[in-house]
């Protein structure tokens, strides 16, 4: 997957956008990868996906000392101040921790998973 970030943004804003877009990937909003390193959660509505991704961006950017507009962005997706039940606080926390490790250089190398075994069709007869 590729992430394109507008080059007219200042560096802190670019970092926040990068965190948001990485969060969409790692939260599974765009599907999974071949070895299922992150989940596939294509069934979520846009509102849930945006709340989750921007919550991750907010956590990571605050952790590194940046202030952005995440709170205002998330509040636009809340109806009546209610968080949809489809929002996963567990996934938000895990992905924020993972991106935070990437941002601070504390991430351990990823161990590759074996390729899935191909199923062989057999005739029963």
Protein backbone atom coordinates (compact mmCIF):
# COMPACT_ATOMS: atom_id res chain seq x y z
CA UNK A 1 0.00 0.00 0.00
CA UNK A 2 1.14 3.55 -0.60
CA UNK A 3 0.42 6.68 1.34
CA UNK A 4 0.58 10.05 -0.41
CA UNK A 5 0.79 13.17 1.74
CA UNK A 6 0.29 16.70 0.43
CA UNK A 7 3.70 18.36 0.26
CA UNK A 8 2.25 21.77 1.14
CA UNK A 9 1.73 20.77 4.77
CA UNK A 10 4.23 21.63 7.49
CA UNK A 11 6.20 18.77 9.04
CA UNK A 12 4.01 18.31 12.16
CA UNK A 13 0.87 18.19 10.01
CA UNK A 14 2.48 15.74 7.62
CA UNK A 15 3.40 13.51 10.57
CA UNK A 16 -0.19 13.62 11.84
CA UNK A 17 -1.57 12.72 8.41
CA UNK A 18 0.95 9.88 8.12
CA UNK A 19 -0.15 8.51 11.51
CA UNK A 20 -3.81 8.75 10.46
CA UNK A 21 -3.25 6.94 7.15
CA UNK A 22 -1.01 4.26 8.71
CA UNK A 23 -3.74 3.75 11.28
CA UNK A 24 -6.30 3.07 8.52
CA UNK A 25 -4.00 0.36 7.19
CA UNK A 26 -3.10 -1.26 10.51
CA UNK A 27 -6.67 -1.05 11.82
CA UNK A 28 -7.71 -3.13 8.80
CA UNK A 29 -9.93 -0.48 7.22
CA UNK A 30 -8.40 -1.26 3.81
CA UNK A 31 -8.34 -5.04 4.27
CA UNK A 32 -5.50 -7.26 5.38
CA UNK A 33 -2.13 -8.17 3.88
CA UNK A 34 -1.20 -11.58 2.49
CA UNK A 35 0.08 -12.92 5.80
CA UNK A 36 -2.67 -11.30 7.87
CA UNK A 37 -0.25 -9.22 9.92
CA UNK A 38 -3.11 -6.81 10.56
CA UNK A 39 -6.84 -7.58 10.58
CA UNK A 40 -9.27 -7.16 7.72
CA UNK A 41 -12.12 -4.98 8.95
CA UNK A 42 -13.73 -3.83 5.71
CA UNK A 43 -17.22 -4.09 7.24
CA UNK A 44 -16.90 -0.84 9.24
CA UNK A 45 -18.70 2.33 8.21
CA UNK A 46 -16.73 5.46 7.33
CA UNK A 47 -17.65 7.18 10.60
CA UNK A 48 -16.17 4.36 12.70
CA UNK A 49 -13.06 4.15 10.52
CA UNK A 50 -12.40 7.89 10.79
CA UNK A 51 -12.92 7.96 14.56
CA UNK A 52 -10.51 5.04 15.02
CA UNK A 53 -7.80 6.35 12.67
CA UNK A 54 -7.87 9.89 14.02
CA UNK A 55 -7.89 8.63 17.62
CA UNK A 56 -4.68 6.75 16.84
CA UNK A 57 -3.17 9.86 15.24
CA UNK A 58 -4.14 11.92 18.30
CA UNK A 59 -2.51 9.47 20.72
CA UNK A 60 0.72 9.18 18.72
CA UNK A 61 1.14 12.89 17.96
CA UNK A 62 0.47 13.84 21.58
CA UNK A 63 2.97 11.22 22.73
CA UNK A 64 5.71 12.89 20.69
CA UNK A 65 4.69 16.37 21.85
CA UNK A 66 2.70 17.65 18.87
CA UNK A 67 -0.66 19.38 19.12
CA UNK A 68 -3.08 19.12 16.23
CA UNK A 69 -6.73 19.30 15.33
CA UNK A 70 -7.58 15.65 16.02
CA UNK A 71 -10.13 16.41 18.73
CA UNK A 72 -12.13 18.68 16.41
CA UNK A 73 -11.91 16.12 13.60
CA UNK A 74 -13.14 13.26 15.77
CA UNK A 75 -15.96 15.36 17.25
CA UNK A 76 -17.33 15.99 13.74
CA UNK A 77 -17.85 12.22 13.40
CA UNK A 78 -19.61 11.82 16.74
CA UNK A 79 -23.37 12.15 16.70
CA UNK A 80 -24.68 13.58 19.94
CA UNK A 81 -21.29 12.96 21.55
CA UNK A 82 -21.82 9.19 21.37
CA UNK A 83 -19.04 6.85 20.31
CA UNK A 84 -20.43 4.15 18.00
CA UNK A 85 -20.30 0.65 19.52
CA UNK A 86 -18.36 -0.50 16.44
CA UNK A 87 -15.32 1.60 17.48
CA UNK A 88 -12.65 -0.69 18.96
CA UNK A 89 -10.72 0.93 21.79
CA UNK A 90 -8.58 -2.21 21.91
CA UNK A 91 -7.49 -1.85 18.28
CA UNK A 92 -6.94 1.90 18.73
CA UNK A 93 -4.61 1.26 21.68
CA UNK A 94 -2.68 -1.52 19.93
CA UNK A 95 -2.21 0.41 16.69
CA UNK A 96 -1.28 3.62 18.51
CA UNK A 97 1.37 1.68 20.43
CA UNK A 98 2.69 0.12 17.26
CA UNK A 99 2.90 3.40 15.33
CA UNK A 100 4.40 5.07 18.40
CA UNK A 101 7.14 2.43 18.42
CA UNK A 102 7.80 3.08 14.73
CA UNK A 103 7.95 6.84 15.34
CA UNK A 104 10.41 6.57 18.20
CA UNK A 105 12.59 3.88 16.65
CA UNK A 106 11.75 1.33 19.34
CA UNK A 107 10.05 -1.16 17.07
CA UNK A 108 11.38 -4.69 16.93
CA UNK A 109 11.88 -6.17 13.45
CA UNK A 110 8.86 -7.98 12.10
CA UNK A 111 9.22 -11.73 11.91
CA UNK A 112 7.82 -12.96 8.60
CA UNK A 113 4.98 -15.40 8.78
CA UNK A 114 5.05 -18.47 6.57
CA UNK A 115 3.07 -18.34 3.38
CA UNK A 116 -0.34 -19.93 3.71
CA UNK A 117 -0.48 -23.50 2.47
CA UNK A 118 -2.42 -23.97 -0.71
CA UNK A 119 -5.36 -26.29 -0.49
CA UNK A 120 -5.19 -29.20 -2.85
CA UNK A 121 -8.48 -30.26 -4.37
CA UNK A 122 -9.16 -33.96 -4.16
CA UNK A 123 -11.90 -36.10 -5.66
CA UNK A 124 -13.84 -38.33 -3.39
CA UNK A 125 -15.50 -41.07 -5.03
